[in-house]
PDB file of N, CA and C in Angstrom:
ATOM      1  N   MET A   1       0.840  -1.166   0.000  1.00  0.00           N
ATOM      2  CA  MET A   1       0.000   0.000   0.000  1.00  0.00           C
ATOM      3  C   MET A   1       0.893   1.240   0.000  1.00  0.00           C
ATOM      4  N   GLY A   2       0.553   2.170  -0.865  1.00  0.00           N
ATOM      5  CA  GLY A   2       1.360   3.371  -0.989  1.00  0.00           C
ATOM      6  C   GLY A   2       0.958   4.448  -0.008  1.00  0.00           C
ATOM      7  N   ARG A   3       1.564   5.558  -0.160  1.00  0.00           N
ATOM      8  CA  ARG A   3       1.350   6.688   0.729  1.00  0.00           C
ATOM      9  C   ARG A   3      -0.089   7.211   0.652  1.00  0.00           C
ATOM     10  N   TYR A   4      -0.663   7.190  -0.548  1.00  0.00           N
ATOM     11  CA  TYR A   4      -2.010   7.728  -0.754  1.00  0.00           C
ATOM     12  C   TYR A   4      -3.060   6.630  -0.843  1.00  0.00           C
ATOM     13  N   GLY A   5      -2.791   5.468  -0.332  1.00  0.00           N
ATOM     14  CA  GLY A   5      -3.735   4.369  -0.397  1.00  0.00           C
ATOM     15  C   GLY A   5      -3.537   3.572  -1.675  1.00  0.00           C
ATOM     16  N   THR A   6      -4.613   3.050  -2.172  1.00  0.00           N
ATOM     17  CA  THR A   6      -4.537   2.234  -3.388  1.00  0.00           C
ATOM     18  C   THR A   6      -5.169   2.989  -4.548  1.00  0.00           C
ATOM     19  N   ILE A   7      -4.610   4.102  -4.918  1.00  0.00           N
ATOM     20  CA  ILE A   7      -5.100   4.892  -6.043  1.00  0.00           C
ATOM     21  C   ILE A   7      -4.542   4.297  -7.328  1.00  0.00           C
ATOM     22  N   ASP A   8      -5.418   4.080  -8.281  1.00  0.00           N
ATOM     23  CA  ASP A   8      -5.005   3.575  -9.591  1.00  0.00           C
ATOM     24  C   ASP A   8      -4.679   4.787 -10.474  1.00  0.00           C
ATOM     25  N   TYR A   9      -3.415   5.200 -10.445  1.00  0.00           N
ATOM     26  CA  TYR A   9      -3.009   6.434 -11.113  1.00  0.00           C
ATOM     27  C   TYR A   9      -3.281   6.464 -12.619  1.00  0.00           C
ATOM     28  N   PRO A  10      -3.014   5.398 -13.362  1.00  0.00           N
ATOM     29  CA  PRO A  10      -3.301   5.453 -14.803  1.00  0.00           C
ATOM     30  C   PRO A  10      -4.782   5.687 -15.107  1.00  0.00           C
ATOM     31  N   VAL A  11      -5.656   5.072 -14.319  1.00  0.00           N
ATOM     32  CA  VAL A  11      -7.096   5.251 -14.540  1.00  0.00           C
ATOM     33  C   VAL A  11      -7.501   6.688 -14.243  1.00  0.00           C
ATOM     34  N   TRP A  12      -7.003   7.238 -13.141  1.00  0.00           N
ATOM     35  CA  TRP A  12      -7.333   8.622 -12.790  1.00  0.00           C
ATOM     36  C   TRP A  12      -6.793   9.601 -13.832  1.00  0.00           C
ATOM     37  N   ALA A  13      -5.611   9.345 -14.344  1.00  0.00           N
ATOM     38  CA  ALA A  13      -5.037  10.227 -15.361  1.00  0.00           C
ATOM     39  C   ALA A  13      -5.859  10.185 -16.637  1.00  0.00           C
ATOM     40  N   LYS A  14      -6.254   8.987 -17.063  1.00  0.00           N
ATOM     41  CA  LYS A  14      -7.061   8.859 -18.282  1.00  0.00           C
ATOM     42  C   LYS A  14      -8.437   9.479 -18.111  1.00  0.00           C
ATOM     43  N   ARG A  15      -9.064   9.217 -16.990  1.00  0.00           N
ATOM     44  CA  ARG A  15     -10.405   9.775 -16.759  1.00  0.00           C
ATOM     45  C   ARG A  15     -10.360  11.295 -16.635  1.00  0.00           C
ATOM     46  N   GLY A  16      -9.347  11.819 -15.991  1.00  0.00           N
ATOM     47  CA  GLY A  16      -9.212  13.273 -15.893  1.00  0.00           C
ATOM     48  C   GLY A  16      -8.997  13.914 -17.251  1.00  0.00           C
ATOM     49  N   PHE A  17      -8.169  13.274 -18.073  1.00  0.00           N
ATOM     50  CA  PHE A  17      -7.948  13.787 -19.418  1.00  0.00           C
ATOM     51  C   PHE A  17      -9.237  13.745 -20.231  1.00  0.00           C
ATOM     52  N   LEU A  18      -9.959  12.628 -20.156  1.00  0.00           N
ATOM     53  CA  LEU A  18     -11.201  12.511 -20.916  1.00  0.00           C
ATOM     54  C   LEU A  18     -12.269  13.483 -20.418  1.00  0.00           C
ATOM     55  N   LEU A  19     -12.315  13.732 -19.120  1.00  0.00           N
ATOM     56  CA  LEU A  19     -13.245  14.731 -18.588  1.00  0.00           C
ATOM     57  C   LEU A  19     -12.880  16.118 -19.100  1.00  0.00           C
ATOM     58  N   GLY A  20     -11.601  16.443 -19.098  1.00  0.00           N
ATOM     59  CA  GLY A  20     -11.167  17.726 -19.632  1.00  0.00           C
ATOM     60  C   GLY A  20     -11.473  17.861 -21.113  1.00  0.00           C
ATOM     61  N   LEU A  21     -11.244  16.793 -21.861  1.00  0.00           N
ATOM     62  CA  LEU A  21     -11.565  16.805 -23.290  1.00  0.00           C
ATOM     63  C   LEU A  21     -13.059  16.984 -23.499  1.00  0.00           C
ATOM     64  N   GLY A  22     -13.855  16.314 -22.706  1.00  0.00           N
ATOM     65  CA  GLY A  22     -15.306  16.447 -22.807  1.00  0.00           C
ATOM     66  C   GLY A  22     -15.776  17.857 -22.504  1.00  0.00           C
ATOM     67  N   LEU A  23     -15.227  18.462 -21.457  1.00  0.00           N
ATOM     68  CA  LEU A  23     -15.585  19.843 -21.134  1.00  0.00           C
ATOM     69  C   LEU A  23     -15.210  20.794 -22.265  1.00  0.00           C
ATOM     70  N   PHE A  24     -14.031  20.589 -22.819  1.00  0.00           N
ATOM     71  CA  PHE A  24     -13.603  21.451 -23.918  1.00  0.00           C
ATOM     72  C   PHE A  24     -14.518  21.303 -25.128  1.00  0.00           C
ATOM     73  N   VAL A  25     -14.856  20.070 -25.466  1.00  0.00           N
ATOM     74  CA  VAL A  25     -15.717  19.827 -26.629  1.00  0.00           C
ATOM     75  C   VAL A  25     -17.111  20.414 -26.409  1.00  0.00           C
ATOM     76  N   VAL A  26     -17.668  20.246 -25.209  1.00  0.00           N
ATOM     77  CA  VAL A  26     -18.985  20.810 -24.918  1.00  0.00           C
ATOM     78  C   VAL A  26     -18.948  22.336 -25.025  1.00  0.00           C
ATOM     79  N   GLY A  27     -17.919  22.954 -24.474  1.00  0.00           N
ATOM     80  CA  GLY A  27     -17.810  24.413 -24.552  1.00  0.00           C
ATOM     81  C   GLY A  27     -17.630  24.905 -25.967  1.00  0.00           C
ATOM     82  N   ALA A  28     -16.752  24.265 -26.729  1.00  0.00           N
ATOM     83  CA  ALA A  28     -16.491  24.702 -28.101  1.00  0.00           C
ATOM     84  C   ALA A  28     -17.701  24.461 -28.995  1.00  0.00           C
ATOM     85  N   MET A  29     -18.275  23.273 -28.905  1.00  0.00           N
ATOM     86  CA  MET A  29     -19.437  22.969 -29.742  1.00  0.00           C
ATOM     87  C   MET A  29     -20.637  23.815 -29.336  1.00  0.00           C
ATOM     88  N   GLY A  30     -20.776  24.094 -28.058  1.00  0.00           N
ATOM     89  CA  GLY A  30     -21.864  24.962 -27.597  1.00  0.00           C
ATOM     90  C   GLY A  30     -21.754  26.353 -28.187  1.00  0.00           C
ATOM     91  N   GLU A  31     -20.552  26.877 -28.220  1.00  0.00           N
ATOM     92  CA  GLU A  31     -20.377  28.204 -28.810  1.00  0.00           C
ATOM     93  C   GLU A  31     -20.605  28.178 -30.316  1.00  0.00           C
ATOM     94  N   ILE A  32     -20.068  27.176 -30.991  1.00  0.00           N
ATOM     95  CA  ILE A  32     -20.212  27.108 -32.449  1.00  0.00           C
ATOM     96  C   ILE A  32     -21.674  26.926 -32.832  1.00  0.00           C
ATOM     97  N   VAL A  33     -22.329  25.935 -32.219  1.00  0.00           N
ATOM     98  CA  VAL A  33     -23.730  25.665 -32.549  1.00  0.00           C
ATOM     99  C   VAL A  33     -24.624  26.802 -32.079  1.00  0.00           C
ATOM    100  N   GLY A  34     -24.350  27.320 -30.893  1.00  0.00           N
ATOM    101  CA  GLY A  34     -25.162  28.419 -30.372  1.00  0.00           C
ATOM    102  C   GLY A  34     -25.112  29.655 -31.246  1.00  0.00           C
ATOM    103  N   HIS A  35     -23.927  30.020 -31.703  1.00  0.00           N
ATOM    104  CA  HIS A  35     -23.807  31.200 -32.559  1.00  0.00           C
ATOM    105  C   HIS A  35     -24.365  30.931 -33.949  1.00  0.00           C
ATOM    106  N   THR A  36     -24.287  29.696 -34.405  1.00  0.00           N
ATOM    107  CA  THR A  36     -24.832  29.365 -35.721  1.00  0.00           C
ATOM    108  C   THR A  36     -26.355  29.383 -35.703  1.00  0.00           C
ATOM    109  N   VAL A  37     -26.945  28.810 -34.668  1.00  0.00           N
ATOM    110  CA  VAL A  37     -28.404  28.696 -34.604  1.00  0.00           C
ATOM    111  C   VAL A  37     -29.057  29.982 -34.109  1.00  0.00           C
ATOM    112  N   LEU A  38     -28.535  30.543 -33.039  1.00  0.00           N
ATOM    113  CA  LEU A  38     -29.176  31.695 -32.410  1.00  0.00           C
ATOM    114  C   LEU A  38     -28.589  33.041 -32.807  1.00  0.00           C
ATOM    115  N   GLY A  39     -27.457  33.060 -33.424  1.00  0.00           N
ATOM    116  CA  GLY A  39     -26.807  34.330 -33.770  1.00  0.00           C
ATOM    117  C   GLY A  39     -25.957  34.824 -32.618  1.00  0.00           C
ATOM    118  N   THR A  40     -26.584  35.390 -31.617  1.00  0.00           N
ATOM    119  CA  THR A  40     -25.854  35.832 -30.426  1.00  0.00           C
ATOM    120  C   THR A  40     -26.408  35.100 -29.212  1.00  0.00           C
ATOM    121  N   LEU A  41     -25.522  34.727 -28.336  1.00  0.00           N
ATOM    122  CA  LEU A  41     -25.913  34.048 -27.109  1.00  0.00           C
ATOM    123  C   LEU A  41     -25.935  35.049 -25.963  1.00  0.00           C
ATOM    124  N   PRO A  42     -26.759  34.808 -24.953  1.00  0.00           N
ATOM    125  CA  PRO A  42     -26.745  35.680 -23.774  1.00  0.00           C
ATOM    126  C   PRO A  42     -25.376  35.634 -23.080  1.00  0.00           C
ATOM    127  N   ASP A  43     -25.048  36.715 -22.400  1.00  0.00           N
ATOM    128  CA  ASP A  43     -23.743  36.803 -21.742  1.00  0.00           C
ATOM    129  C   ASP A  43     -23.464  35.677 -20.747  1.00  0.00           C
ATOM    130  N   PRO A  44     -24.417  35.278 -19.889  1.00  0.00           N
ATOM    131  CA  PRO A  44     -24.107  34.163 -18.970  1.00  0.00           C
ATOM    132  C   PRO A  44     -23.788  32.861 -19.706  1.00  0.00           C
ATOM    133  N   THR A  45     -24.459  32.618 -20.808  1.00  0.00           N
ATOM    134  CA  THR A  45     -24.193  31.405 -21.577  1.00  0.00           C
ATOM    135  C   THR A  45     -22.804  31.454 -22.196  1.00  0.00           C
ATOM    136  N   ASN A  46     -22.429  32.593 -22.741  1.00  0.00           N
ATOM    137  CA  ASN A  46     -21.073  32.744 -23.280  1.00  0.00           C
ATOM    138  C   ASN A  46     -20.021  32.512 -22.203  1.00  0.00           C
ATOM    139  N   THR A  47     -20.277  33.042 -21.017  1.00  0.00           N
ATOM    140  CA  THR A  47     -19.330  32.891 -19.920  1.00  0.00           C
ATOM    141  C   THR A  47     -19.198  31.428 -19.509  1.00  0.00           C
ATOM    142  N   ILE A  48     -20.311  30.729 -19.387  1.00  0.00           N
ATOM    143  CA  ILE A  48     -20.270  29.320 -18.993  1.00  0.00           C
ATOM    144  C   ILE A  48     -19.546  28.483 -20.035  1.00  0.00           C
ATOM    145  N   LEU A  49     -19.838  28.705 -21.308  1.00  0.00           N
ATOM    146  CA  LEU A  49     -19.189  27.922 -22.352  1.00  0.00           C
ATOM    147  C   LEU A  49     -17.693  28.216 -22.427  1.00  0.00           C
ATOM    148  N   PHE A  50     -17.319  29.482 -22.237  1.00  0.00           N
ATOM    149  CA  PHE A  50     -15.896  29.830 -22.206  1.00  0.00           C
ATOM    150  C   PHE A  50     -15.209  29.186 -21.003  1.00  0.00           C
ATOM    151  N   ASP A  51     -15.878  29.188 -19.859  1.00  0.00           N
ATOM    152  CA  ASP A  51     -15.314  28.542 -18.666  1.00  0.00           C
ATOM    153  C   ASP A  51     -15.139  27.048 -18.880  1.00  0.00           C
ATOM    154  N   PHE A  52     -16.094  26.414 -19.564  1.00  0.00           N
ATOM    155  CA  PHE A  52     -15.950  24.990 -19.889  1.00  0.00           C
ATOM    156  C   PHE A  52     -14.702  24.753 -20.727  1.00  0.00           C
ATOM    157  N   GLU A  53     -14.473  25.614 -21.698  1.00  0.00           N
ATOM    158  CA  GLU A  53     -13.288  25.458 -22.552  1.00  0.00           C
ATOM    159  C   GLU A  53     -12.006  25.593 -21.742  1.00  0.00           C
ATOM    160  N   VAL A  54     -11.927  26.622 -20.923  1.00  0.00           N
ATOM    161  CA  VAL A  54     -10.709  26.866 -20.142  1.00  0.00           C
ATOM    162  C   VAL A  54     -10.483  25.745 -19.127  1.00  0.00           C
ATOM    163  N   LEU A  55     -11.536  25.370 -18.397  1.00  0.00           N
ATOM    164  CA  LEU A  55     -11.397  24.294 -17.420  1.00  0.00           C
ATOM    165  C   LEU A  55     -11.064  22.966 -18.102  1.00  0.00           C
ATOM    166  N   GLY A  56     -11.606  22.748 -19.282  1.00  0.00           N
ATOM    167  CA  GLY A  56     -11.312  21.531 -20.016  1.00  0.00           C
ATOM    168  C   GLY A  56      -9.848  21.446 -20.400  1.00  0.00           C
ATOM    169  N   VAL A  57      -9.295  22.549 -20.873  1.00  0.00           N
ATOM    170  CA  VAL A  57      -7.874  22.559 -21.240  1.00  0.00           C
ATOM    171  C   VAL A  57      -7.000  22.354 -20.002  1.00  0.00           C
ATOM    172  N   LEU A  58      -7.313  23.060 -18.923  1.00  0.00           N
ATOM    173  CA  LEU A  58      -6.513  22.919 -17.699  1.00  0.00           C
ATOM    174  C   LEU A  58      -6.595  21.504 -17.136  1.00  0.00           C
ATOM    175  N   LEU A  59      -7.794  20.965 -17.079  1.00  0.00           N
ATOM    176  CA  LEU A  59      -7.957  19.614 -16.543  1.00  0.00           C
ATOM    177  C   LEU A  59      -7.305  18.585 -17.450  1.00  0.00           C
ATOM    178  N   GLY A  60      -7.442  18.768 -18.751  1.00  0.00           N
ATOM    179  CA  GLY A  60      -6.845  17.830 -19.694  1.00  0.00           C
ATOM    180  C   GLY A  60      -5.332  17.835 -19.655  1.00  0.00           C
ATOM    181  N   LEU A  61      -4.744  18.968 -19.331  1.00  0.00           N
ATOM    182  CA  LEU A  61      -3.285  19.042 -19.254  1.00  0.00           C
ATOM    183  C   LEU A  61      -2.741  18.673 -17.876  1.00  0.00           C
ATOM    184  N   LEU A  62      -3.454  19.059 -16.833  1.00  0.00           N
ATOM    185  CA  LEU A  62      -2.919  18.864 -15.489  1.00  0.00           C
ATOM    186  C   LEU A  62      -3.166  17.478 -14.913  1.00  0.00           C
ATOM    187  N   SER A  63      -4.277  16.819 -15.247  1.00  0.00           N
ATOM    188  CA  SER A  63      -4.486  15.513 -14.626  1.00  0.00           C
ATOM    189  C   SER A  63      -3.490  14.459 -15.065  1.00  0.00           C
ATOM    190  N   PRO A  64      -3.084  14.357 -16.339  1.00  0.00           N
ATOM    191  CA  PRO A  64      -2.020  13.391 -16.627  1.00  0.00           C
ATOM    192  C   PRO A  64      -0.699  13.771 -15.949  1.00  0.00           C
ATOM    193  N   LEU A  65      -0.441  15.062 -15.840  1.00  0.00           N
ATOM    194  CA  LEU A  65       0.786  15.503 -15.181  1.00  0.00           C
ATOM    195  C   LEU A  65       0.773  15.128 -13.700  1.00  0.00           C
ATOM    196  N   ILE A  66      -0.335  15.388 -13.034  1.00  0.00           N
ATOM    197  CA  ILE A  66      -0.415  15.125 -11.599  1.00  0.00           C
ATOM    198  C   ILE A  66      -0.536  13.633 -11.311  1.00  0.00           C
ATOM    199  N   PHE A  67      -1.510  12.961 -11.967  1.00  0.00           N
ATOM    200  CA  PHE A  67      -1.759  11.548 -11.656  1.00  0.00           C
ATOM    201  C   PHE A  67      -0.838  10.605 -12.413  1.00  0.00           C
ATOM    202  N   GLY A  68      -0.218  11.070 -13.467  1.00  0.00           N
ATOM    203  CA  GLY A  68       0.662  10.199 -14.222  1.00  0.00           C
ATOM    204  C   GLY A  68       2.129  10.341 -13.877  1.00  0.00           C
ATOM    205  N   ILE A  69       2.525  11.527 -13.358  1.00  0.00           N
ATOM    206  CA  ILE A  69       3.945  11.760 -13.104  1.00  0.00           C
ATOM    207  C   ILE A  69       4.212  12.117 -11.639  1.00  0.00           C
ATOM    208  N   VAL A  70       3.562  13.154 -11.142  1.00  0.00           N
ATOM    209  CA  VAL A  70       3.924  13.695  -9.827  1.00  0.00           C
ATOM    210  C   VAL A  70       3.568  12.738  -8.691  1.00  0.00           C
ATOM    211  N   LEU A  71       2.314  12.313  -8.587  1.00  0.00           N
ATOM    212  CA  LEU A  71       1.927  11.475  -7.465  1.00  0.00           C
ATOM    213  C   LEU A  71       2.610  10.105  -7.446  1.00  0.00           C
ATOM    214  N   PRO A  72       2.764   9.427  -8.602  1.00  0.00           N
ATOM    215  CA  PRO A  72       3.500   8.151  -8.515  1.00  0.00           C
ATOM    216  C   PRO A  72       4.956   8.330  -8.074  1.00  0.00           C
ATOM    217  N   LEU A  73       5.560   9.458  -8.393  1.00  0.00           N
ATOM    218  CA  LEU A  73       6.949   9.685  -7.984  1.00  0.00           C
ATOM    219  C   LEU A  73       7.076  10.003  -6.500  1.00  0.00           C
ATOM    220  N   THR A  74       6.009  10.494  -5.881  1.00  0.00           N
ATOM    221  CA  THR A  74       6.086  10.855  -4.463  1.00  0.00           C
ATOM    222  C   THR A  74       5.794   9.685  -3.540  1.00  0.00           C
ATOM    223  N   GLU A  75       5.405   8.546  -4.087  1.00  0.00           N
ATOM    224  CA  GLU A  75       5.126   7.375  -3.227  1.00  0.00           C
ATOM    225  C   GLU A  75       6.400   6.734  -2.756  1.00  0.00           C
TER     226      GLU A  75
END
């Protein structure tokens, strides 16, 4: 048993990356489809979709780094 219990690091890294990718795709497609269908989106909707994109990129980049490299090295 490691320092952080029995965490399956490869699974967490893959799931975090896929969650980040999903958030990015939802945000990007929401903006593209929303602007195509509705023309202009309300400001709160634009903000939420932009936040999805940013959080998706951050999560997609940081979870493999944290769960794939940093935490296994600290055990």
